[in-house]
Amino acid sequence: MLRDQLATQLKEAMKAKQMDRLGTIRLIQAAIKDRDIANRGVGKDEAGDDEVLQILAKMVKQRDESAKIYEENARPELAAKERAEIVVIQDFMPKQLSDDEVRANIAAIIKEVGAEGPKDMGKIMAALKERYAGQMDFAKASGTVKELLK
């Protein structure tokens, strides 16, 4: 379970005095706790691994966007910090699929569900999110799905 892995890594970072890694892991745990609190408010259970993977993917995307903005505004030291956090976050995520692998998986799901056009996009995206949570950027994947459904 990802929560256990995070707790173990937190302890190891503390022992090794890896302050940057420690800070990033604490940020991850805070984001998970926020989701747990939000879930409790609507009567759901605490975030499972699939939700944690979504949180991690969102955190990577936020940091990537921030790093680009810092680079555009001549702040390379801040961009480097964001990129370092991305590396730590990605340690807890499954290996990302290549563009070719994403395209092949989408084509297989289109064939499997018998999708015939854009109206079936929801079914395909749901299947992708169920099977490949944390392994692909679903914003990019939706573009590929649209392209393949034409």
N, C-alpha and C. Protein backbone atom coordinates (compact mmCIF):
# COMPACT_ATOMS: atom_id res chain seq x y z
N MET A 1 0.85 -1.18 0.00
CA MET A 1 0.00 0.00 0.00
C MET A 1 0.89 1.24 0.00
N LEU A 2 0.50 2.22 -0.78
CA LEU A 2 1.31 3.43 -0.94
C LEU A 2 1.49 4.19 0.37
N ARG A 3 0.48 4.20 1.22
CA ARG A 3 0.60 4.92 2.50
C ARG A 3 1.74 4.34 3.35
N ASP A 4 1.84 3.02 3.37
CA ASP A 4 2.90 2.36 4.14
C ASP A 4 4.27 2.69 3.54
N GLN A 5 4.34 2.67 2.22
CA GLN A 5 5.59 2.99 1.53
C GLN A 5 6.01 4.44 1.84
N LEU A 6 5.05 5.35 1.84
CA LEU A 6 5.35 6.75 2.16
C LEU A 6 5.86 6.88 3.60
N ALA A 7 5.22 6.19 4.53
CA ALA A 7 5.63 6.27 5.93
C ALA A 7 7.06 5.73 6.10
N THR A 8 7.35 4.63 5.45
CA THR A 8 8.69 4.04 5.52
C THR A 8 9.73 4.99 4.93
N GLN A 9 9.42 5.55 3.78
CA GLN A 9 10.35 6.47 3.12
C GLN A 9 10.55 7.75 3.94
N LEU A 10 9.49 8.18 4.62
CA LEU A 10 9.59 9.36 5.48
C LEU A 10 10.60 9.10 6.60
N LYS A 11 10.50 7.94 7.24
CA LYS A 11 11.43 7.59 8.32
C LYS A 11 12.86 7.50 7.80
N GLU A 12 13.02 6.88 6.63
CA GLU A 12 14.36 6.75 6.05
C GLU A 12 14.95 8.11 5.71
N ALA A 13 14.13 9.02 5.18
CA ALA A 13 14.61 10.36 4.84
C ALA A 13 15.01 11.12 6.11
N MET A 14 14.25 10.91 7.19
CA MET A 14 14.59 11.55 8.46
C MET A 14 15.94 11.04 8.96
N LYS A 15 16.12 9.73 8.96
CA LYS A 15 17.37 9.12 9.44
C LYS A 15 18.57 9.58 8.61
N ALA A 16 18.37 9.67 7.30
CA ALA A 16 19.46 10.05 6.40
C ALA A 16 19.62 11.58 6.30
N LYS A 17 18.76 12.30 7.00
CA LYS A 17 18.77 13.77 6.99
C LYS A 17 18.68 14.34 5.56
N GLN A 18 17.81 13.73 4.75
CA GLN A 18 17.55 14.20 3.39
C GLN A 18 16.38 15.19 3.46
N MET A 19 16.69 16.43 3.77
CA MET A 19 15.66 17.41 4.07
C MET A 19 14.73 17.70 2.87
N ASP A 20 15.29 17.77 1.67
CA ASP A 20 14.44 18.04 0.50
C ASP A 20 13.46 16.90 0.27
N ARG A 21 13.95 15.67 0.33
CA ARG A 21 13.09 14.50 0.15
C ARG A 21 12.04 14.44 1.26
N LEU A 22 12.47 14.70 2.48
CA LEU A 22 11.57 14.69 3.63
C LEU A 22 10.42 15.69 3.43
N GLY A 23 10.77 16.89 3.00
CA GLY A 23 9.75 17.92 2.78
C GLY A 23 8.75 17.52 1.72
N THR A 24 9.23 16.92 0.65
CA THR A 24 8.34 16.50 -0.43
C THR A 24 7.41 15.38 0.03
N ILE A 25 7.94 14.43 0.77
CA ILE A 25 7.10 13.33 1.27
C ILE A 25 6.03 13.88 2.21
N ARG A 26 6.40 14.85 3.03
CA ARG A 26 5.41 15.47 3.91
C ARG A 26 4.33 16.18 3.12
N LEU A 27 4.71 16.82 2.01
CA LEU A 27 3.71 17.46 1.15
C LEU A 27 2.74 16.43 0.57
N ILE A 28 3.28 15.28 0.16
CA ILE A 28 2.44 14.20 -0.37
C ILE A 28 1.45 13.74 0.69
N GLN A 29 1.98 13.49 1.90
CA GLN A 29 1.11 13.02 2.98
C GLN A 29 0.03 14.06 3.33
N ALA A 30 0.39 15.34 3.28
CA ALA A 30 -0.60 16.39 3.56
C ALA A 30 -1.70 16.39 2.50
N ALA A 31 -1.33 16.21 1.24
CA ALA A 31 -2.32 16.17 0.17
C ALA A 31 -3.26 14.97 0.34
N ILE A 32 -2.70 13.84 0.75
CA ILE A 32 -3.53 12.64 0.98
C ILE A 32 -4.47 12.88 2.15
N LYS A 33 -3.96 13.49 3.20
CA LYS A 33 -4.79 13.77 4.38
C LYS A 33 -5.93 14.73 4.01
N ASP A 34 -5.63 15.73 3.18
CA ASP A 34 -6.68 16.65 2.71
C ASP A 34 -7.77 15.88 1.97
N ARG A 35 -7.37 14.93 1.12
CA ARG A 35 -8.36 14.14 0.38
C ARG A 35 -9.17 13.28 1.34
N ASP A 36 -8.51 12.70 2.37
CA ASP A 36 -9.22 11.89 3.36
C ASP A 36 -10.28 12.72 4.08
N ILE A 37 -9.91 13.95 4.44
CA ILE A 37 -10.85 14.84 5.14
C ILE A 37 -12.03 15.18 4.22
N ALA A 38 -11.74 15.46 2.96
CA ALA A 38 -12.80 15.77 2.00
C ALA A 38 -13.71 14.55 1.82
N ASN A 39 -13.13 13.36 1.75
CA ASN A 39 -13.93 12.14 1.60
C ASN A 39 -14.81 11.91 2.82
N ARG A 40 -14.27 12.16 4.00
CA ARG A 40 -15.04 11.97 5.23
C ARG A 40 -16.27 12.89 5.23
N GLY A 41 -16.11 14.07 4.67
CA GLY A 41 -17.21 15.03 4.62
C GLY A 41 -18.38 14.56 3.78
N VAL A 42 -18.12 13.69 2.82
CA VAL A 42 -19.20 13.18 1.97
C VAL A 42 -19.47 11.69 2.22
N GLY A 43 -18.95 11.17 3.33
CA GLY A 43 -19.24 9.80 3.74
C GLY A 43 -18.48 8.72 3.02
N LYS A 44 -17.35 9.05 2.41
CA LYS A 44 -16.53 8.05 1.73
C LYS A 44 -15.43 7.56 2.66
N ASP A 45 -14.81 6.45 2.27
CA ASP A 45 -13.65 5.93 3.00
C ASP A 45 -12.44 6.79 2.68
N GLU A 46 -11.34 6.54 3.42
CA GLU A 46 -10.12 7.27 3.12
C GLU A 46 -9.61 6.89 1.74
N ALA A 47 -8.77 7.74 1.17
CA ALA A 47 -8.27 7.55 -0.18
C ALA A 47 -7.53 6.23 -0.31
N GLY A 48 -7.88 5.46 -1.33
CA GLY A 48 -7.19 4.20 -1.63
C GLY A 48 -6.00 4.48 -2.53
N ASP A 49 -5.30 3.42 -2.90
CA ASP A 49 -4.12 3.58 -3.74
C ASP A 49 -4.42 4.28 -5.07
N ASP A 50 -5.57 3.97 -5.68
CA ASP A 50 -5.90 4.61 -6.95
C ASP A 50 -6.07 6.11 -6.79
N GLU A 51 -6.71 6.54 -5.71
CA GLU A 51 -6.86 7.97 -5.45
C GLU A 51 -5.52 8.61 -5.11
N VAL A 52 -4.68 7.90 -4.39
CA VAL A 52 -3.36 8.41 -4.05
C VAL A 52 -2.55 8.61 -5.33
N LEU A 53 -2.66 7.67 -6.27
CA LEU A 53 -1.96 7.82 -7.55
C LEU A 53 -2.46 9.04 -8.31
N GLN A 54 -3.76 9.31 -8.25
CA GLN A 54 -4.31 10.51 -8.89
C GLN A 54 -3.74 11.76 -8.25
N ILE A 55 -3.63 11.75 -6.92
CA ILE A 55 -3.07 12.89 -6.20
C ILE A 55 -1.62 13.10 -6.63
N LEU A 56 -0.85 12.02 -6.69
CA LEU A 56 0.56 12.12 -7.09
C LEU A 56 0.69 12.67 -8.51
N ALA A 57 -0.15 12.17 -9.42
CA ALA A 57 -0.11 12.65 -10.81
C ALA A 57 -0.42 14.14 -10.87
N LYS A 58 -1.39 14.57 -10.08
CA LYS A 58 -1.75 15.99 -10.03
C LYS A 58 -0.59 16.81 -9.49
N MET A 59 0.08 16.31 -8.46
CA MET A 59 1.21 17.02 -7.87
C MET A 59 2.36 17.16 -8.88
N VAL A 60 2.61 16.11 -9.65
CA VAL A 60 3.66 16.17 -10.68
C VAL A 60 3.30 17.22 -11.72
N LYS A 61 2.06 17.21 -12.15
CA LYS A 61 1.61 18.16 -13.18
C LYS A 61 1.74 19.60 -12.67
N GLN A 62 1.34 19.85 -11.42
CA GLN A 62 1.45 21.19 -10.84
C GLN A 62 2.90 21.65 -10.81
N ARG A 63 3.79 20.77 -10.38
CA ARG A 63 5.20 21.14 -10.28
C ARG A 63 5.82 21.36 -11.65
N ASP A 64 5.41 20.58 -12.61
CA ASP A 64 5.92 20.75 -13.97
C ASP A 64 5.50 22.11 -14.53
N GLU A 65 4.24 22.47 -14.31
CA GLU A 65 3.75 23.78 -14.77
C GLU A 65 4.50 24.91 -14.06
N SER A 66 4.70 24.76 -12.75
CA SER A 66 5.42 25.78 -11.98
C SER A 66 6.85 25.92 -12.48
N ALA A 67 7.51 24.80 -12.73
CA ALA A 67 8.90 24.84 -13.21
C ALA A 67 8.99 25.58 -14.54
N LYS A 68 8.04 25.33 -15.43
CA LYS A 68 8.04 26.02 -16.73
C LYS A 68 7.88 27.53 -16.54
N ILE A 69 7.00 27.92 -15.63
CA ILE A 69 6.78 29.35 -15.37
C ILE A 69 8.05 29.97 -14.79
N TYR A 70 8.69 29.28 -13.85
CA TYR A 70 9.93 29.78 -13.26
C TYR A 70 11.01 29.93 -14.33
N GLU A 71 11.11 28.96 -15.23
CA GLU A 71 12.13 29.04 -16.29
C GLU A 71 11.85 30.22 -17.22
N GLU A 72 10.59 30.45 -17.54
CA GLU A 72 10.22 31.57 -18.41
C GLU A 72 10.55 32.91 -17.77
N ASN A 73 10.52 32.94 -16.44
CA ASN A 73 10.77 34.18 -15.71
C ASN A 73 12.18 34.25 -15.13
N ALA A 74 13.11 33.50 -15.72
CA ALA A 74 14.53 33.52 -15.34
C ALA A 74 14.74 33.24 -13.86
N ARG A 75 14.08 32.20 -13.35
CA ARG A 75 14.27 31.77 -11.95
C ARG A 75 14.68 30.30 -11.95
N PRO A 76 15.85 29.98 -12.49
CA PRO A 76 16.27 28.57 -12.62
C PRO A 76 16.39 27.83 -11.29
N GLU A 77 16.72 28.54 -10.21
CA GLU A 77 16.86 27.86 -8.91
C GLU A 77 15.52 27.34 -8.41
N LEU A 78 14.45 28.11 -8.66
CA LEU A 78 13.11 27.67 -8.25
C LEU A 78 12.62 26.54 -9.16
N ALA A 79 12.94 26.64 -10.45
CA ALA A 79 12.56 25.57 -11.39
C ALA A 79 13.26 24.27 -11.00
N ALA A 80 14.52 24.36 -10.61
CA ALA A 80 15.27 23.17 -10.21
C ALA A 80 14.65 22.52 -8.97
N LYS A 81 14.18 23.33 -8.04
CA LYS A 81 13.53 22.81 -6.83
C LYS A 81 12.25 22.05 -7.19
N GLU A 82 11.47 22.63 -8.10
CA GLU A 82 10.23 21.97 -8.55
C GLU A 82 10.56 20.63 -9.23
N ARG A 83 11.57 20.63 -10.08
CA ARG A 83 11.95 19.41 -10.80
C ARG A 83 12.46 18.34 -9.82
N ALA A 84 13.16 18.76 -8.77
CA ALA A 84 13.63 17.81 -7.75
C ALA A 84 12.45 17.18 -7.02
N GLU A 85 11.41 17.97 -6.75
CA GLU A 85 10.21 17.43 -6.11
C GLU A 85 9.51 16.43 -7.02
N ILE A 86 9.50 16.70 -8.32
CA ILE A 86 8.89 15.78 -9.28
C ILE A 86 9.57 14.42 -9.21
N VAL A 87 10.89 14.41 -9.12
CA VAL A 87 11.65 13.15 -9.06
C VAL A 87 11.24 12.35 -7.82
N VAL A 88 11.11 13.03 -6.68
CA VAL A 88 10.72 12.35 -5.44
C VAL A 88 9.30 11.79 -5.56
N ILE A 89 8.39 12.59 -6.07
CA ILE A 89 6.99 12.15 -6.21
C ILE A 89 6.90 10.94 -7.14
N GLN A 90 7.66 10.98 -8.24
CA GLN A 90 7.60 9.89 -9.21
C GLN A 90 8.17 8.58 -8.66
N ASP A 91 8.96 8.66 -7.58
CA ASP A 91 9.44 7.44 -6.93
C ASP A 91 8.29 6.57 -6.42
N PHE A 92 7.16 7.19 -6.14
CA PHE A 92 6.02 6.48 -5.56
C PHE A 92 4.98 6.10 -6.62
N MET A 93 5.24 6.47 -7.86
CA MET A 93 4.30 6.19 -8.94
C MET A 93 4.80 5.02 -9.78
N PRO A 94 3.88 4.29 -10.40
CA PRO A 94 4.32 3.23 -11.31
C PRO A 94 5.03 3.85 -12.52
N LYS A 95 5.79 3.04 -13.22
CA LYS A 95 6.51 3.50 -14.41
C LYS A 95 5.51 4.09 -15.40
N GLN A 96 5.86 5.25 -15.95
CA GLN A 96 5.01 5.90 -16.93
C GLN A 96 5.12 5.18 -18.28
N LEU A 97 4.00 5.02 -18.93
CA LEU A 97 3.98 4.37 -20.24
C LEU A 97 4.49 5.33 -21.30
N SER A 98 5.19 4.80 -22.30
CA SER A 98 5.66 5.62 -23.41
C SER A 98 4.46 6.00 -24.29
N ASP A 99 4.67 6.95 -25.18
CA ASP A 99 3.59 7.37 -26.09
C ASP A 99 3.10 6.20 -26.94
N ASP A 100 4.04 5.37 -27.39
CA ASP A 100 3.67 4.21 -28.21
C ASP A 100 2.84 3.21 -27.41
N GLU A 101 3.23 2.99 -26.15
CA GLU A 101 2.48 2.07 -25.29
C GLU A 101 1.08 2.61 -25.01
N VAL A 102 0.99 3.93 -24.79
CA VAL A 102 -0.31 4.56 -24.54
C VAL A 102 -1.21 4.35 -25.76
N ARG A 103 -0.67 4.63 -26.94
CA ARG A 103 -1.44 4.49 -28.19
C ARG A 103 -1.90 3.04 -28.38
N ALA A 104 -1.02 2.09 -28.11
CA ALA A 104 -1.37 0.67 -28.27
C ALA A 104 -2.46 0.26 -27.28
N ASN A 105 -2.35 0.71 -26.04
CA ASN A 105 -3.36 0.38 -25.03
C ASN A 105 -4.71 1.00 -25.37
N ILE A 106 -4.70 2.22 -25.86
CA ILE A 106 -5.95 2.88 -26.26
C ILE A 106 -6.60 2.11 -27.41
N ALA A 107 -5.79 1.75 -28.41
CA ALA A 107 -6.32 1.00 -29.56
C ALA A 107 -6.93 -0.32 -29.10
N ALA A 108 -6.28 -1.00 -28.15
CA ALA A 108 -6.79 -2.28 -27.64
C ALA A 108 -8.12 -2.08 -26.92
N ILE A 109 -8.23 -1.02 -26.14
CA ILE A 109 -9.48 -0.77 -25.41
C ILE A 109 -10.60 -0.37 -26.37
N ILE A 110 -10.27 0.41 -27.40
CA ILE A 110 -11.27 0.79 -28.40
C ILE A 110 -11.84 -0.48 -29.04
N LYS A 111 -10.95 -1.40 -29.38
CA LYS A 111 -11.38 -2.66 -30.00
C LYS A 111 -12.21 -3.49 -29.01
N GLU A 112 -11.75 -3.52 -27.76
CA GLU A 112 -12.40 -4.33 -26.72
C GLU A 112 -13.83 -3.86 -26.44
N VAL A 113 -14.03 -2.53 -26.33
CA VAL A 113 -15.38 -2.03 -26.01
C VAL A 113 -16.22 -1.81 -27.26
N GLY A 114 -15.61 -1.99 -28.43
CA GLY A 114 -16.36 -1.82 -29.68
C GLY A 114 -16.74 -0.38 -29.94
N ALA A 115 -15.86 0.53 -29.56
CA ALA A 115 -16.13 1.96 -29.75
C ALA A 115 -16.18 2.29 -31.24
N GLU A 116 -17.15 3.15 -31.57
CA GLU A 116 -17.34 3.48 -32.98
C GLU A 116 -17.17 4.95 -33.28
N GLY A 117 -17.16 5.78 -32.26
CA GLY A 117 -17.04 7.21 -32.52
C GLY A 117 -16.86 7.99 -31.24
N PRO A 118 -16.84 9.32 -31.36
CA PRO A 118 -16.61 10.18 -30.20
C PRO A 118 -17.60 9.97 -29.05
N LYS A 119 -18.79 9.47 -29.35
CA LYS A 119 -19.78 9.25 -28.29
C LYS A 119 -19.33 8.16 -27.30
N ASP A 120 -18.39 7.31 -27.71
CA ASP A 120 -17.89 6.24 -26.85
C ASP A 120 -16.65 6.63 -26.06
N MET A 121 -16.26 7.89 -26.17
CA MET A 121 -15.02 8.34 -25.52
C MET A 121 -15.07 8.14 -24.00
N GLY A 122 -16.21 8.38 -23.38
CA GLY A 122 -16.35 8.22 -21.93
C GLY A 122 -16.03 6.81 -21.46
N LYS A 123 -16.53 5.81 -22.22
CA LYS A 123 -16.26 4.41 -21.87
C LYS A 123 -14.76 4.12 -21.93
N ILE A 124 -14.13 4.62 -22.97
CA ILE A 124 -12.70 4.36 -23.17
C ILE A 124 -11.88 5.02 -22.06
N MET A 125 -12.18 6.28 -21.76
CA MET A 125 -11.43 7.00 -20.72
C MET A 125 -11.63 6.33 -19.36
N ALA A 126 -12.84 5.86 -19.09
CA ALA A 126 -13.10 5.17 -17.81
C ALA A 126 -12.26 3.89 -17.71
N ALA A 127 -12.19 3.14 -18.81
CA ALA A 127 -11.39 1.91 -18.81
C ALA A 127 -9.91 2.23 -18.64
N LEU A 128 -9.44 3.29 -19.29
CA LEU A 128 -8.03 3.68 -19.16
C LEU A 128 -7.70 4.06 -17.72
N LYS A 129 -8.57 4.85 -17.10
CA LYS A 129 -8.32 5.30 -15.72
C LYS A 129 -8.35 4.12 -14.75
N GLU A 130 -9.20 3.16 -15.04
CA GLU A 130 -9.30 1.98 -14.17
C GLU A 130 -8.03 1.12 -14.27
N ARG A 131 -7.54 0.94 -15.48
CA ARG A 131 -6.42 0.02 -15.70
C ARG A 131 -5.03 0.67 -15.57
N TYR A 132 -4.95 1.95 -15.89
CA TYR A 132 -3.63 2.58 -15.98
C TYR A 132 -3.49 3.81 -15.09
N ALA A 133 -4.14 3.81 -13.94
CA ALA A 133 -4.06 4.94 -13.01
C ALA A 133 -2.60 5.20 -12.65
N GLY A 134 -2.18 6.44 -12.81
CA GLY A 134 -0.83 6.83 -12.46
C GLY A 134 0.23 6.47 -13.49
N GLN A 135 -0.16 5.79 -14.56
CA GLN A 135 0.82 5.35 -15.55
C GLN A 135 0.80 6.19 -16.82
N MET A 136 -0.17 7.07 -16.95
CA MET A 136 -0.22 7.91 -18.14
C MET A 136 -0.90 9.24 -17.82
N ASP A 137 -0.61 10.22 -18.66
CA ASP A 137 -1.23 11.53 -18.54
C ASP A 137 -2.57 11.44 -19.30
N PHE A 138 -3.67 11.49 -18.56
CA PHE A 138 -4.97 11.27 -19.18
C PHE A 138 -5.41 12.44 -20.06
N ALA A 139 -4.84 13.63 -19.84
CA ALA A 139 -5.15 14.76 -20.71
C ALA A 139 -4.58 14.48 -22.11
N LYS A 140 -3.35 14.00 -22.16
CA LYS A 140 -2.74 13.64 -23.45
C LYS A 140 -3.45 12.43 -24.04
N ALA A 141 -3.80 11.47 -23.19
CA ALA A 141 -4.46 10.26 -23.66
C ALA A 141 -5.80 10.58 -24.31
N SER A 142 -6.53 11.56 -23.76
CA SER A 142 -7.83 11.90 -24.35
C SER A 142 -7.66 12.43 -25.77
N GLY A 143 -6.58 13.16 -26.02
CA GLY A 143 -6.30 13.63 -27.37
C GLY A 143 -6.05 12.46 -28.31
N THR A 144 -5.32 11.47 -27.84
CA THR A 144 -5.05 10.27 -28.64
C THR A 144 -6.34 9.49 -28.90
N VAL A 145 -7.19 9.41 -27.87
CA VAL A 145 -8.48 8.71 -28.03
C VAL A 145 -9.30 9.40 -29.12
N LYS A 146 -9.38 10.73 -29.05
CA LYS A 146 -10.14 11.49 -30.07
C LYS A 146 -9.60 11.20 -31.47
N GLU A 147 -8.28 11.22 -31.55
CA GLU A 147 -7.61 10.99 -32.85
C GLU A 147 -7.94 9.60 -33.39
N LEU A 148 -7.90 8.59 -32.53
CA LEU A 148 -8.14 7.21 -32.97
C LEU A 148 -9.61 6.92 -33.24
N LEU A 149 -10.50 7.71 -32.67
CA LEU A 149 -11.94 7.48 -32.87
C LEU A 149 -12.48 8.15 -34.13
N LYS A 150 -11.69 8.95 -34.79
CA LYS A 150 -12.19 9.64 -35.99
C LYS A 150 -12.42 8.69 -37.12
